[in-house]
Each structure stands twice: as structure tokens, then as C-alpha cells.
Amino acid sequence: MVPGMHVLVTGSSGLVGSTLVKKLSAQGHQVTRAVRRTPRPGEIRWDPDHDTIETGAIQHLDAVVHLAGAGIGDHRWTDEYKRTLVESRTRGTGLIASTIAGLEHKPSVLLSASAVGYYGDTGDTEVDESSPAGTGFLADLCVQWEQATAPAEQAGVRVAHLRTGIVLSDQGGALKKQLPLFKLGVGGRIGSGKPWQSWISLEDEIGAIVHLLTNATTGAVNLTAPNPVTQADFANELGKALHRPTFLPIPSFGPKLLLGGELVDNLLLAGQRVLPSVLLGDGYVFAHPTLPAAFASILGR
């Protein structure tokens, strides 16, 4: 990636976005962050709820990385919050796509977040970017999310959809929430432990995004490591990395009482066995292709 690109990043306060901003800045790129509050230097204000965005500072963008959206696992899935999940993605993505489509000097690429939830519950079946959308709320959400980039594509901007799996970091996300229990030796699989989990280290998530900024890839790209694991294997490997036992399974009714049945059924008890065929075919080399390698790097063991 040649230094000197001007990149707009939305969702820059999240785990992936904040890390990406640091990485791009360290590589000598100009990064503009889209924020909802009063902007500081190097930021612009946008308000997807009211379809507004400042365009004065982004007339000469080279790329856009759009990561914004309400947290999937942050709240119970009430009907109201499910509408928030959909609208925060479709309205925000539509605003970004239509805005850059209308710029006189358009960015060459839009990398827009999506998720492996696109594939629905795949059981033991391996899927990649050529596989069709699944069924259920998350699959429908991802389909609408990706379709919202249409104005940018129609304007000739290269668009790639980042179908991300579970991003592993001890600084945030699902792993950070799991670590306290596992460190106490009371972590384990949830229910049967049979669902597959498609994961990626934060380092590879950022590495793949940087890689995609300057190549010719379009369409869906699975941001997952090439070796998905079952939930039981994930728990066992995390226990090994922490030198703690993982023989106590967590009954599924516990998380359901805490988080709600629909959320748990979709996020914890459904699985996707996703392969990153596009990234591998494009020559991306994973820093952490296996879970033990990822845990060793993340946990410093």
C-alpha cells in the first residue's frame, strides 16, 4: 500500500476502526474519521439518522472504509432493537454510498462492513464467498446491508463487502468478555459445543482490510481465518492457552435468561464454517492461520 492515501473511516471508535486508524496513520496515510459528535481536527460530522454528512473535507478521498453499525450483541433483540440494527447499517451505508457517488472526485474503493451471518446457520457444511445467503434475521440483515452500497457501485466505485467473523482481541469484542471466566477456570463450551465458529485475529482483520484497499477485489470477501473450529474446540484451545480447565459446560438456558433466546440462538448456538477463499486466492498471508497461533500472540503465551 503506497503511503499518502486519504482514507475516510466510519465506526472509528470501535475495536476494529480505532486499530485501523492507528495502522493507517502509522503507515503515512491521511485518515479522516466520520463521527456523530462535534468534530475535532481530522474528523467530519455525520448523522445517518438524519441523512446528513459534511462533504467539504472529503472531496478528494482515495478510499472509504465503512465499519459503523449498532452492536449486534449489545442488547436483547427486542423488535425495536432489531429495527435499530437494520437501520443503523442500511441507512448509514446508503448515506456513505450515495455521498461518495455524488462527489466530483470519487474514491477508488469502498470497503463496507458485513458479517458471516450472511450465510445463516451452515451446520457442518463449509461455505465461501460463492455460497448463497442463508435464512433468518442475521442473514436478511446482511443482505440488506450489502445491497445498500449500490449507489457507489453504480457510480463506478470498486466495492468490497467485508464479511467478518469473530474478531479475536484481548482489548475488546467477544474474547475480552470470555477471558475473566476462563481465567478463573470456569469457562467452557455452551450447550453441545458443536456449532462452528469462524474467527479472525484483530491483526489479520486489519491486515486484510489494508490489503484490500489497493488490490482489485470486488464483491464479497470473507474476513475469517482459514481454520474455523467448533465451539467446543474454541473453548478447549482457550483453556490450553490460559492453562485452565474447560470441562464445565455452560447450559444454554443461562445465556438465554441473560441475553434473550433469539440473540443466543443466532449468535451462540448457530454456527458458520466459513472459508476465506477470496483472500487466499488473492495472495493474502495470514499472520495467525490457526487458533493456537492466534491465542499465543494475543495472550502473550
C-alpha atoms as a PDB file:
ATOM      1  CA  MET A   1       0.000   0.000   0.000  1.00  0.00           C
ATOM      2  CA  VAL A   2       1.584   3.253  -1.178  1.00  0.00           C
ATOM      3  CA  PRO A   3       1.801   5.935   1.556  1.00  0.00           C
ATOM      4  CA  GLY A   4      -0.167   9.101   1.040  1.00  0.00           C
ATOM      5  CA  MET A   5      -3.710   7.805   0.552  1.00  0.00           C
ATOM      6  CA  HIS A   6      -6.590   9.818   2.010  1.00  0.00           C
ATOM      7  CA  VAL A   7      -8.947   7.357   3.723  1.00  0.00           C
ATOM      8  CA  LEU A   8     -12.317   8.095   5.349  1.00  0.00           C
ATOM      9  CA  VAL A   9     -13.184   5.694   8.190  1.00  0.00           C
ATOM     10  CA  THR A  10     -16.584   5.328   9.841  1.00  0.00           C
ATOM     11  CA  GLY A  11     -17.000   3.349  13.049  1.00  0.00           C
ATOM     12  CA  SER A  12     -13.559   4.590  14.059  1.00  0.00           C
ATOM     13  CA  SER A  13     -14.245   4.391  17.799  1.00  0.00           C
ATOM     14  CA  GLY A  14     -14.827   0.628  17.729  1.00  0.00           C
ATOM     15  CA  LEU A  15     -12.220  -2.088  18.217  1.00  0.00           C
ATOM     16  CA  VAL A  16     -11.515  -2.614  14.513  1.00  0.00           C
ATOM     17  CA  GLY A  17     -11.955   1.013  13.477  1.00  0.00           C
ATOM     18  CA  SER A  18      -9.686   2.511  16.121  1.00  0.00           C
ATOM     19  CA  THR A  19      -6.965  -0.057  15.402  1.00  0.00           C
ATOM     20  CA  LEU A  20      -7.256   0.543  11.659  1.00  0.00           C
ATOM     21  CA  VAL A  21      -6.924   4.314  12.099  1.00  0.00           C
ATOM     22  CA  LYS A  22      -3.707   3.822  14.081  1.00  0.00           C
ATOM     23  CA  LYS A  23      -2.332   1.402  11.481  1.00  0.00           C
ATOM     24  CA  LEU A  24      -3.079   3.636   8.504  1.00  0.00           C
ATOM     25  CA  SER A  25      -1.724   6.731  10.254  1.00  0.00           C
ATOM     26  CA  ALA A  26       1.477   4.879  11.175  1.00  0.00           C
ATOM     27  CA  GLN A  27       1.896   3.939   7.507  1.00  0.00           C
ATOM     28  CA  GLY A  28       1.793   7.605   6.485  1.00  0.00           C
ATOM     29  CA  HIS A  29      -1.771   7.865   5.232  1.00  0.00           C
ATOM     30  CA  GLN A  30      -4.160  10.734   5.882  1.00  0.00           C
ATOM     31  CA  VAL A  31      -7.145   9.450   7.822  1.00  0.00           C
ATOM     32  CA  THR A  32     -10.392  11.359   8.242  1.00  0.00           C
ATOM     33  CA  ARG A  33     -12.802   9.973  10.828  1.00  0.00           C
ATOM     34  CA  ALA A  34     -16.579  10.332  10.475  1.00  0.00           C
ATOM     35  CA  VAL A  35     -18.064  10.998  13.937  1.00  0.00           C
ATOM     36  CA  ARG A  36     -21.520  11.809  15.316  1.00  0.00           C
ATOM     37  CA  ARG A  37     -20.337  14.336  17.913  1.00  0.00           C
ATOM     38  CA  THR A  38     -18.783  17.761  17.324  1.00  0.00           C
ATOM     39  CA  PRO A  39     -15.775  17.015  15.124  1.00  0.00           C
ATOM     40  CA  ARG A  40     -12.186  17.702  16.057  1.00  0.00           C
ATOM     41  CA  PRO A  41      -9.318  18.287  13.597  1.00  0.00           C
ATOM     42  CA  GLY A  42      -9.093  15.338  11.214  1.00  0.00           C
ATOM     43  CA  GLU A  43     -12.779  14.500  11.650  1.00  0.00           C
ATOM     44  CA  ILE A  44     -16.064  15.233   9.899  1.00  0.00           C
ATOM     45  CA  ARG A  45     -19.553  15.033  11.369  1.00  0.00           C
ATOM     46  CA  TRP A  46     -22.168  12.687  10.009  1.00  0.00           C
ATOM     47  CA  ASP A  47     -25.645  11.822  11.204  1.00  0.00           C
ATOM     48  CA  PRO A  48     -27.055   8.750   9.459  1.00  0.00           C
ATOM     49  CA  ASP A  49     -30.343   9.102  11.342  1.00  0.00           C
ATOM     50  CA  HIS A  50     -30.957  12.376   9.515  1.00  0.00           C
ATOM     51  CA  ASP A  51     -29.075  11.517   6.298  1.00  0.00           C
ATOM     52  CA  THR A  52     -26.502  14.287   6.713  1.00  0.00           C
ATOM     53  CA  ILE A  53     -22.739  14.278   6.297  1.00  0.00           C
ATOM     54  CA  GLU A  54     -20.143  17.010   5.853  1.00  0.00           C
ATOM     55  CA  THR A  55     -18.631  16.780   2.410  1.00  0.00           C
ATOM     56  CA  GLY A  56     -16.230  19.708   2.408  1.00  0.00           C
ATOM     57  CA  ALA A  57     -13.298  17.731   3.800  1.00  0.00           C
ATOM     58  CA  ILE A  58     -13.810  14.602   1.697  1.00  0.00           C
ATOM     59  CA  GLN A  59     -13.805  15.955  -1.843  1.00  0.00           C
ATOM     60  CA  HIS A  60     -10.537  14.213  -2.655  1.00  0.00           C
ATOM     61  CA  LEU A  61     -10.741  10.854  -0.957  1.00  0.00           C
ATOM     62  CA  ASP A  62      -8.831   7.840  -2.224  1.00  0.00           C
ATOM     63  CA  ALA A  63     -10.748   5.240  -0.203  1.00  0.00           C
ATOM     64  CA  VAL A  64     -13.552   4.743   2.304  1.00  0.00           C
ATOM     65  CA  VAL A  65     -13.694   2.057   4.995  1.00  0.00           C
ATOM     66  CA  HIS A  66     -17.222   1.924   6.371  1.00  0.00           C
ATOM     67  CA  LEU A  67     -17.463  -0.001   9.658  1.00  0.00           C
ATOM     68  CA  ALA A  68     -20.268   1.757  11.545  1.00  0.00           C
ATOM     69  CA  GLY A  69     -23.330  -0.023  12.931  1.00  0.00           C
ATOM     70  CA  ALA A  70     -25.085  -0.713  16.230  1.00  0.00           C
ATOM     71  CA  GLY A  71     -23.606  -3.589  18.238  1.00  0.00           C
ATOM     72  CA  ILE A  72     -25.165  -6.958  17.405  1.00  0.00           C
ATOM     73  CA  GLY A  73     -24.684  -8.389  20.894  1.00  0.00           C
ATOM     74  CA  ASP A  74     -25.065  -5.219  22.936  1.00  0.00           C
ATOM     75  CA  HIS A  75     -28.768  -5.558  23.809  1.00  0.00           C
ATOM     76  CA  ARG A  76     -31.625  -8.034  23.853  1.00  0.00           C
ATOM     77  CA  TRP A  77     -33.183  -8.390  20.424  1.00  0.00           C
ATOM     78  CA  THR A  78     -36.463  -6.641  21.016  1.00  0.00           C
ATOM     79  CA  ASP A  79     -38.408  -5.659  17.905  1.00  0.00           C
ATOM     80  CA  GLU A  80     -37.236  -2.093  18.459  1.00  0.00           C
ATOM     81  CA  TYR A  81     -33.574  -3.020  18.769  1.00  0.00           C
ATOM     82  CA  LYS A  82     -33.742  -5.269  15.713  1.00  0.00           C
ATOM     83  CA  ARG A  83     -35.010  -2.256  13.759  1.00  0.00           C
ATOM     84  CA  THR A  84     -32.048  -0.295  15.149  1.00  0.00           C
ATOM     85  CA  LEU A  85     -29.640  -2.999  13.985  1.00  0.00           C
ATOM     86  CA  VAL A  86     -31.062  -2.906  10.467  1.00  0.00           C
ATOM     87  CA  GLU A  87     -31.449   0.849  10.130  1.00  0.00           C
ATOM     88  CA  SER A  88     -28.033   1.685  11.598  1.00  0.00           C
ATOM     89  CA  ARG A  89     -26.496  -0.406   8.838  1.00  0.00           C
ATOM     90  CA  THR A  90     -28.715   0.237   5.837  1.00  0.00           C
ATOM     91  CA  ARG A  91     -29.170   3.987   6.404  1.00  0.00           C
ATOM     92  CA  GLY A  92     -25.515   4.581   7.261  1.00  0.00           C
ATOM     93  CA  THR A  93     -24.282   2.515   4.324  1.00  0.00           C
ATOM     94  CA  GLY A  94     -26.762   4.135   1.960  1.00  0.00           C
ATOM     95  CA  LEU A  95     -25.666   7.595   3.083  1.00  0.00           C
ATOM     96  CA  ILE A  96     -21.982   6.788   2.575  1.00  0.00           C
ATOM     97  CA  ALA A  97     -22.598   5.143  -0.797  1.00  0.00           C
ATOM     98  CA  SER A  98     -24.794   7.939  -2.185  1.00  0.00           C
ATOM     99  CA  THR A  99     -22.464  10.645  -0.843  1.00  0.00           C
ATOM    100  CA  ILE A 100     -19.323   9.294  -2.474  1.00  0.00           C
ATOM    101  CA  ALA A 101     -21.273   8.544  -5.649  1.00  0.00           C
ATOM    102  CA  GLY A 102     -22.092  12.240  -5.860  1.00  0.00           C
ATOM    103  CA  LEU A 103     -18.541  13.513  -5.357  1.00  0.00           C
ATOM    104  CA  GLU A 104     -16.829  15.046  -8.361  1.00  0.00           C
ATOM    105  CA  HIS A 105     -13.641  13.233  -7.424  1.00  0.00           C
ATOM    106  CA  LYS A 106     -14.815   9.808  -6.295  1.00  0.00           C
ATOM    107  CA  PRO A 107     -12.723   7.472  -4.130  1.00  0.00           C
ATOM    108  CA  SER A 108     -11.468   4.433  -5.964  1.00  0.00           C
ATOM    109  CA  VAL A 109     -12.723   1.951  -3.376  1.00  0.00           C
ATOM    110  CA  LEU A 110     -15.373   1.460  -0.694  1.00  0.00           C
ATOM    111  CA  LEU A 111     -14.747  -1.336   1.793  1.00  0.00           C
ATOM    112  CA  SER A 112     -18.061  -1.838   3.566  1.00  0.00           C
ATOM    113  CA  ALA A 113     -18.559  -3.990   6.646  1.00  0.00           C
ATOM    114  CA  SER A 114     -20.739  -7.079   6.582  1.00  0.00           C
ATOM    115  CA  ALA A 115     -20.642 -10.345   8.552  1.00  0.00           C
ATOM    116  CA  VAL A 116     -20.549 -14.121   8.208  1.00  0.00           C
ATOM    117  CA  GLY A 117     -24.117 -14.061   9.495  1.00  0.00           C
ATOM    118  CA  TYR A 118     -24.889 -13.661   5.773  1.00  0.00           C
ATOM    119  CA  TYR A 119     -24.670 -17.451   5.427  1.00  0.00           C
ATOM    120  CA  GLY A 120     -27.116 -18.285   8.223  1.00  0.00           C
ATOM    121  CA  ASP A 121     -26.606 -21.484  10.229  1.00  0.00           C
ATOM    122  CA  THR A 122     -24.480 -23.686   7.953  1.00  0.00           C
ATOM    123  CA  GLY A 123     -24.166 -26.688  10.254  1.00  0.00           C
ATOM    124  CA  ASP A 124     -21.062 -28.713   9.316  1.00  0.00           C
ATOM    125  CA  THR A 125     -21.098 -27.503   5.698  1.00  0.00           C
ATOM    126  CA  GLU A 126     -18.151 -25.388   4.553  1.00  0.00           C
ATOM    127  CA  VAL A 127     -19.131 -22.177   2.783  1.00  0.00           C
ATOM    128  CA  ASP A 128     -17.209 -19.457   0.977  1.00  0.00           C
ATOM    129  CA  GLU A 129     -17.973 -16.304  -0.986  1.00  0.00           C
ATOM    130  CA  SER A 130     -19.686 -18.288  -3.748  1.00  0.00           C
ATOM    131  CA  SER A 131     -22.272 -19.682  -1.315  1.00  0.00           C
ATOM    132  CA  PRO A 132     -25.787 -18.226  -1.220  1.00  0.00           C
ATOM    133  CA  ALA A 133     -27.326 -16.230   1.597  1.00  0.00           C
ATOM    134  CA  GLY A 134     -28.866 -18.195   4.420  1.00  0.00           C
ATOM    135  CA  THR A 135     -32.130 -17.617   6.214  1.00  0.00           C
ATOM    136  CA  GLY A 136     -33.038 -15.822   9.417  1.00  0.00           C
ATOM    137  CA  PHE A 137     -32.717 -12.335  10.830  1.00  0.00           C
ATOM    138  CA  LEU A 138     -28.931 -12.014  10.572  1.00  0.00           C
ATOM    139  CA  ALA A 139     -28.798 -13.325   7.020  1.00  0.00           C
ATOM    140  CA  ASP A 140     -31.562 -10.938   5.944  1.00  0.00           C
ATOM    141  CA  LEU A 141     -29.795  -8.088   7.728  1.00  0.00           C
ATOM    142  CA  CYS A 142     -26.518  -8.770   5.919  1.00  0.00           C
ATOM    143  CA  VAL A 143     -28.239  -8.978   2.537  1.00  0.00           C
ATOM    144  CA  GLN A 144     -29.877  -5.565   3.051  1.00  0.00           C
ATOM    145  CA  TRP A 145     -26.605  -4.153   4.428  1.00  0.00           C
ATOM    146  CA  GLU A 146     -24.661  -5.180   1.334  1.00  0.00           C
ATOM    147  CA  GLN A 147     -27.370  -4.041  -1.080  1.00  0.00           C
ATOM    148  CA  ALA A 148     -27.179  -0.536   0.411  1.00  0.00           C
ATOM    149  CA  THR A 149     -23.802   0.029  -1.300  1.00  0.00           C
ATOM    150  CA  ALA A 150     -25.499   0.011  -4.733  1.00  0.00           C
ATOM    151  CA  PRO A 151     -25.186   3.793  -5.411  1.00  0.00           C
ATOM    152  CA  ALA A 152     -21.393   3.615  -5.090  1.00  0.00           C
ATOM    153  CA  GLU A 153     -21.159   0.546  -7.319  1.00  0.00           C
ATOM    154  CA  GLN A 154     -23.382   2.167  -9.929  1.00  0.00           C
ATOM    155  CA  ALA A 155     -21.106   5.233  -9.879  1.00  0.00           C
ATOM    156  CA  GLY A 156     -18.102   3.070 -10.763  1.00  0.00           C
ATOM    157  CA  VAL A 157     -16.526   2.799  -7.293  1.00  0.00           C
ATOM    158  CA  ARG A 158     -14.919  -0.554  -6.509  1.00  0.00           C
ATOM    159  CA  VAL A 159     -16.889  -2.058  -3.612  1.00  0.00           C
ATOM    160  CA  ALA A 160     -15.915  -4.989  -1.398  1.00  0.00           C
ATOM    161  CA  HIS A 161     -18.113  -6.386   1.363  1.00  0.00           C
ATOM    162  CA  LEU A 162     -16.149  -7.393   4.460  1.00  0.00           C
ATOM    163  CA  ARG A 163     -17.930 -10.489   5.769  1.00  0.00           C
ATOM    164  CA  THR A 164     -16.199 -10.634   9.109  1.00  0.00           C
ATOM    165  CA  GLY A 165     -16.213 -13.465  11.627  1.00  0.00           C
ATOM    166  CA  ILE A 166     -15.485 -13.253  15.358  1.00  0.00           C
ATOM    167  CA  VAL A 167     -12.596 -10.788  15.761  1.00  0.00           C
ATOM    168  CA  LEU A 168     -10.226 -12.002  18.480  1.00  0.00           C
ATOM    169  CA  SER A 169      -8.527  -9.469  20.748  1.00  0.00           C
ATOM    170  CA  ASP A 170      -7.999  -9.104  24.470  1.00  0.00           C
ATOM    171  CA  GLN A 171      -8.826  -5.408  24.045  1.00  0.00           C
ATOM    172  CA  GLY A 172     -12.462  -5.840  23.072  1.00  0.00           C
ATOM    173  CA  GLY A 173     -15.106  -7.991  21.445  1.00  0.00           C
ATOM    174  CA  ALA A 174     -16.236 -11.479  22.417  1.00  0.00           C
ATOM    175  CA  LEU A 175     -12.841 -12.736  23.622  1.00  0.00           C
ATOM    176  CA  LYS A 176     -12.409  -9.923  26.135  1.00  0.00           C
ATOM    177  CA  LYS A 177     -15.789 -10.833  27.631  1.00  0.00           C
ATOM    178  CA  GLN A 178     -14.853 -14.515  27.844  1.00  0.00           C
ATOM    179  CA  LEU A 179     -11.410 -14.127  29.377  1.00  0.00           C
ATOM    180  CA  PRO A 180     -12.424 -13.444  33.008  1.00  0.00           C
ATOM    181  CA  LEU A 181     -14.418 -16.697  33.259  1.00  0.00           C
ATOM    182  CA  PHE A 182     -11.755 -18.756  31.516  1.00  0.00           C
ATOM    183  CA  LYS A 183      -9.008 -17.298  33.681  1.00  0.00           C
ATOM    184  CA  LEU A 184     -10.981 -18.434  36.728  1.00  0.00           C
ATOM    185  CA  GLY A 185     -11.204 -21.935  35.288  1.00  0.00           C
ATOM    186  CA  VAL A 186     -14.989 -21.867  34.919  1.00  0.00           C
ATOM    187  CA  GLY A 187     -15.194 -21.235  31.178  1.00  0.00           C
ATOM    188  CA  GLY A 188     -16.335 -23.859  28.731  1.00  0.00           C
ATOM    189  CA  ARG A 189     -18.459 -24.681  25.721  1.00  0.00           C
ATOM    190  CA  ILE A 190     -22.059 -23.504  25.569  1.00  0.00           C
ATOM    191  CA  GLY A 191     -24.562 -26.310  25.176  1.00  0.00           C
ATOM    192  CA  SER A 192     -23.356 -29.068  22.846  1.00  0.00           C
ATOM    193  CA  GLY A 193     -20.299 -27.145  21.631  1.00  0.00           C
ATOM    194  CA  LYS A 194     -20.943 -28.462  18.107  1.00  0.00           C
ATOM    195  CA  PRO A 195     -21.601 -25.182  16.227  1.00  0.00           C
ATOM    196  CA  TRP A 196     -18.704 -23.961  14.117  1.00  0.00           C
ATOM    197  CA  GLN A 197     -17.080 -20.615  14.824  1.00  0.00           C
ATOM    198  CA  SER A 198     -15.386 -18.601  12.103  1.00  0.00           C
ATOM    199  CA  TRP A 199     -12.853 -16.295  13.705  1.00  0.00           C
ATOM    200  CA  ILE A 200     -10.015 -13.951  12.771  1.00  0.00           C
ATOM    201  CA  SER A 201      -7.340 -12.273  14.850  1.00  0.00           C
ATOM    202  CA  LEU A 202      -7.512  -8.493  15.094  1.00  0.00           C
ATOM    203  CA  GLU A 203      -4.091  -8.326  13.437  1.00  0.00           C
ATOM    204  CA  ASP A 204      -5.354 -10.254  10.412  1.00  0.00           C
ATOM    205  CA  GLU A 205      -8.616  -8.295  10.322  1.00  0.00           C
ATOM    206  CA  ILE A 206      -6.597  -5.089   9.972  1.00  0.00           C
ATOM    207  CA  GLY A 207      -4.070  -6.704   7.651  1.00  0.00           C
ATOM    208  CA  ALA A 208      -6.805  -7.935   5.326  1.00  0.00           C
ATOM    209  CA  ILE A 209      -8.507  -4.522   5.199  1.00  0.00           C
ATOM    210  CA  VAL A 210      -5.212  -2.796   4.360  1.00  0.00           C
ATOM    211  CA  HIS A 211      -4.567  -5.469   1.721  1.00  0.00           C
ATOM    212  CA  LEU A 212      -7.987  -4.907   0.139  1.00  0.00           C
ATOM    213  CA  LEU A 213      -7.553  -1.140  -0.071  1.00  0.00           C
ATOM    214  CA  THR A 214      -5.181  -1.363  -3.010  1.00  0.00           C
ATOM    215  CA  ASN A 215      -5.929  -4.561  -4.911  1.00  0.00           C
ATOM    216  CA  ALA A 216      -8.664  -5.162  -7.481  1.00  0.00           C
ATOM    217  CA  THR A 217     -11.010  -7.316  -5.406  1.00  0.00           C
ATOM    218  CA  THR A 218     -14.734  -6.612  -5.640  1.00  0.00           C
ATOM    219  CA  GLY A 219     -17.787  -8.183  -4.056  1.00  0.00           C
ATOM    220  CA  ALA A 220     -17.866 -10.429  -1.014  1.00  0.00           C
ATOM    221  CA  VAL A 221     -14.685 -11.143   0.938  1.00  0.00           C
ATOM    222  CA  ASN A 222     -14.741 -13.412   3.986  1.00  0.00           C
ATOM    223  CA  LEU A 223     -12.566 -11.947   6.722  1.00  0.00           C
ATOM    224  CA  THR A 224     -12.049 -15.182   8.615  1.00  0.00           C
ATOM    225  CA  ALA A 225      -9.035 -17.344   9.323  1.00  0.00           C
ATOM    226  CA  PRO A 226      -8.678 -20.435   7.093  1.00  0.00           C
ATOM    227  CA  ASN A 227      -9.250 -22.832  10.001  1.00  0.00           C
ATOM    228  CA  PRO A 228     -12.674 -22.435  11.657  1.00  0.00           C
ATOM    229  CA  VAL A 229     -13.251 -24.507  14.794  1.00  0.00           C
ATOM    230  CA  THR A 230     -16.192 -25.881  16.713  1.00  0.00           C
ATOM    231  CA  GLN A 231     -17.297 -24.009  19.792  1.00  0.00           C
ATOM    232  CA  ALA A 232     -16.029 -26.866  21.957  1.00  0.00           C
ATOM    233  CA  ASP A 233     -12.590 -26.765  20.305  1.00  0.00           C
ATOM    234  CA  PHE A 234     -12.505 -22.986  20.731  1.00  0.00           C
ATOM    235  CA  ALA A 235     -13.133 -23.352  24.473  1.00  0.00           C
ATOM    236  CA  ASN A 236     -10.532 -26.118  24.779  1.00  0.00           C
ATOM    237  CA  GLU A 237      -7.863 -24.136  22.933  1.00  0.00           C
ATOM    238  CA  LEU A 238      -8.538 -21.036  25.034  1.00  0.00           C
ATOM    239  CA  GLY A 239      -8.252 -23.132  28.191  1.00  0.00           C
ATOM    240  CA  LYS A 240      -4.944 -24.585  26.983  1.00  0.00           C
ATOM    241  CA  ALA A 241      -3.602 -21.115  26.209  1.00  0.00           C
ATOM    242  CA  LEU A 242      -4.523 -19.942  29.724  1.00  0.00           C
ATOM    243  CA  HIS A 243      -3.526 -23.232  31.408  1.00  0.00           C
ATOM    244  CA  ARG A 244      -7.019 -23.556  32.856  1.00  0.00           C
ATOM    245  CA  PRO A 245      -9.587 -26.381  32.774  1.00  0.00           C
ATOM    246  CA  THR A 246     -12.606 -26.134  30.470  1.00  0.00           C
ATOM    247  CA  PHE A 247     -14.589 -29.233  31.460  1.00  0.00           C
ATOM    248  CA  LEU A 248     -17.606 -27.321  32.810  1.00  0.00           C
ATOM    249  CA  PRO A 249     -20.131 -26.749  30.005  1.00  0.00           C
ATOM    250  CA  ILE A 250     -22.339 -23.686  30.238  1.00  0.00           C
ATOM    251  CA  PRO A 251     -26.039 -24.618  29.943  1.00  0.00           C
ATOM    252  CA  SER A 252     -27.671 -22.644  27.153  1.00  0.00           C
ATOM    253  CA  PHE A 253     -30.552 -21.540  29.384  1.00  0.00           C
ATOM    254  CA  GLY A 254     -28.192 -19.280  31.359  1.00  0.00           C
ATOM    255  CA  PRO A 255     -27.221 -17.007  28.456  1.00  0.00           C
ATOM    256  CA  LYS A 256     -30.817 -17.095  27.213  1.00  0.00           C
ATOM    257  CA  LEU A 257     -32.081 -15.759  30.528  1.00  0.00           C
ATOM    258  CA  LEU A 258     -29.447 -13.025  30.445  1.00  0.00           C
ATOM    259  CA  LEU A 259     -29.465 -12.056  26.756  1.00  0.00           C
ATOM    260  CA  GLY A 260     -32.716 -13.390  25.350  1.00  0.00           C
ATOM    261  CA  GLY A 261     -33.430 -16.538  23.383  1.00  0.00           C
ATOM    262  CA  GLU A 262     -33.307 -15.160  19.841  1.00  0.00           C
ATOM    263  CA  LEU A 263     -29.936 -13.466  20.308  1.00  0.00           C
ATOM    264  CA  VAL A 264     -28.391 -16.592  21.868  1.00  0.00           C
ATOM    265  CA  ASP A 265     -29.878 -18.911  19.230  1.00  0.00           C
ATOM    266  CA  ASN A 266     -28.439 -16.747  16.440  1.00  0.00           C
ATOM    267  CA  LEU A 267     -25.072 -15.727  17.888  1.00  0.00           C
ATOM    268  CA  LEU A 268     -24.077 -18.575  20.210  1.00  0.00           C
ATOM    269  CA  LEU A 269     -25.971 -21.694  19.172  1.00  0.00           C
ATOM    270  CA  ALA A 270     -25.930 -21.251  15.385  1.00  0.00           C
ATOM    271  CA  GLY A 271     -22.661 -21.667  13.505  1.00  0.00           C
ATOM    272  CA  GLN A 272     -20.898 -20.878  10.268  1.00  0.00           C
ATOM    273  CA  ARG A 273     -17.994 -22.900   8.858  1.00  0.00           C
ATOM    274  CA  VAL A 274     -16.643 -20.145   6.628  1.00  0.00           C
ATOM    275  CA  LEU A 275     -13.541 -20.255   4.434  1.00  0.00           C
ATOM    276  CA  PRO A 276     -11.688 -17.126   3.173  1.00  0.00           C
ATOM    277  CA  SER A 277     -11.338 -18.321  -0.413  1.00  0.00           C
ATOM    278  CA  VAL A 278     -11.084 -14.830  -1.941  1.00  0.00           C
ATOM    279  CA  LEU A 279      -8.353 -13.646   0.417  1.00  0.00           C
ATOM    280  CA  LEU A 280      -6.324 -16.833  -0.037  1.00  0.00           C
ATOM    281  CA  GLY A 281      -6.745 -16.660  -3.815  1.00  0.00           C
ATOM    282  CA  ASP A 282      -5.630 -13.042  -3.750  1.00  0.00           C
ATOM    283  CA  GLY A 283      -2.362 -13.915  -2.017  1.00  0.00           C
ATOM    284  CA  TYR A 284      -3.101 -12.651   1.483  1.00  0.00           C
ATOM    285  CA  VAL A 285      -0.853 -14.426   4.007  1.00  0.00           C
ATOM    286  CA  PHE A 286      -2.439 -14.865   7.422  1.00  0.00           C
ATOM    287  CA  ALA A 287      -0.339 -13.963  10.433  1.00  0.00           C
ATOM    288  CA  HIS A 288      -2.474 -16.324  12.527  1.00  0.00           C
ATOM    289  CA  PRO A 289      -3.993 -19.093  10.380  1.00  0.00           C
ATOM    290  CA  THR A 290      -4.692 -21.357  13.380  1.00  0.00           C
ATOM    291  CA  LEU A 291      -6.358 -20.705  16.719  1.00  0.00           C
ATOM    292  CA  PRO A 292      -3.348 -21.734  18.859  1.00  0.00           C
ATOM    293  CA  ALA A 293      -1.172 -19.273  16.923  1.00  0.00           C
ATOM    294  CA  ALA A 294      -3.741 -16.516  17.436  1.00  0.00           C
ATOM    295  CA  PHE A 295      -4.069 -17.172  21.174  1.00  0.00           C
ATOM    296  CA  ALA A 296      -0.288 -17.339  21.595  1.00  0.00           C
ATOM    297  CA  SER A 297       0.054 -13.898  20.020  1.00  0.00           C
ATOM    298  CA  ILE A 298      -2.946 -12.286  21.706  1.00  0.00           C
ATOM    299  CA  LEU A 299      -2.314 -13.668  25.190  1.00  0.00           C
ATOM    300  CA  GLY A 300       1.476 -13.457  25.052  1.00  0.00           C
ATOM    301  CA  ARG A 301       1.965 -17.136  25.767  1.00  0.00           C
END
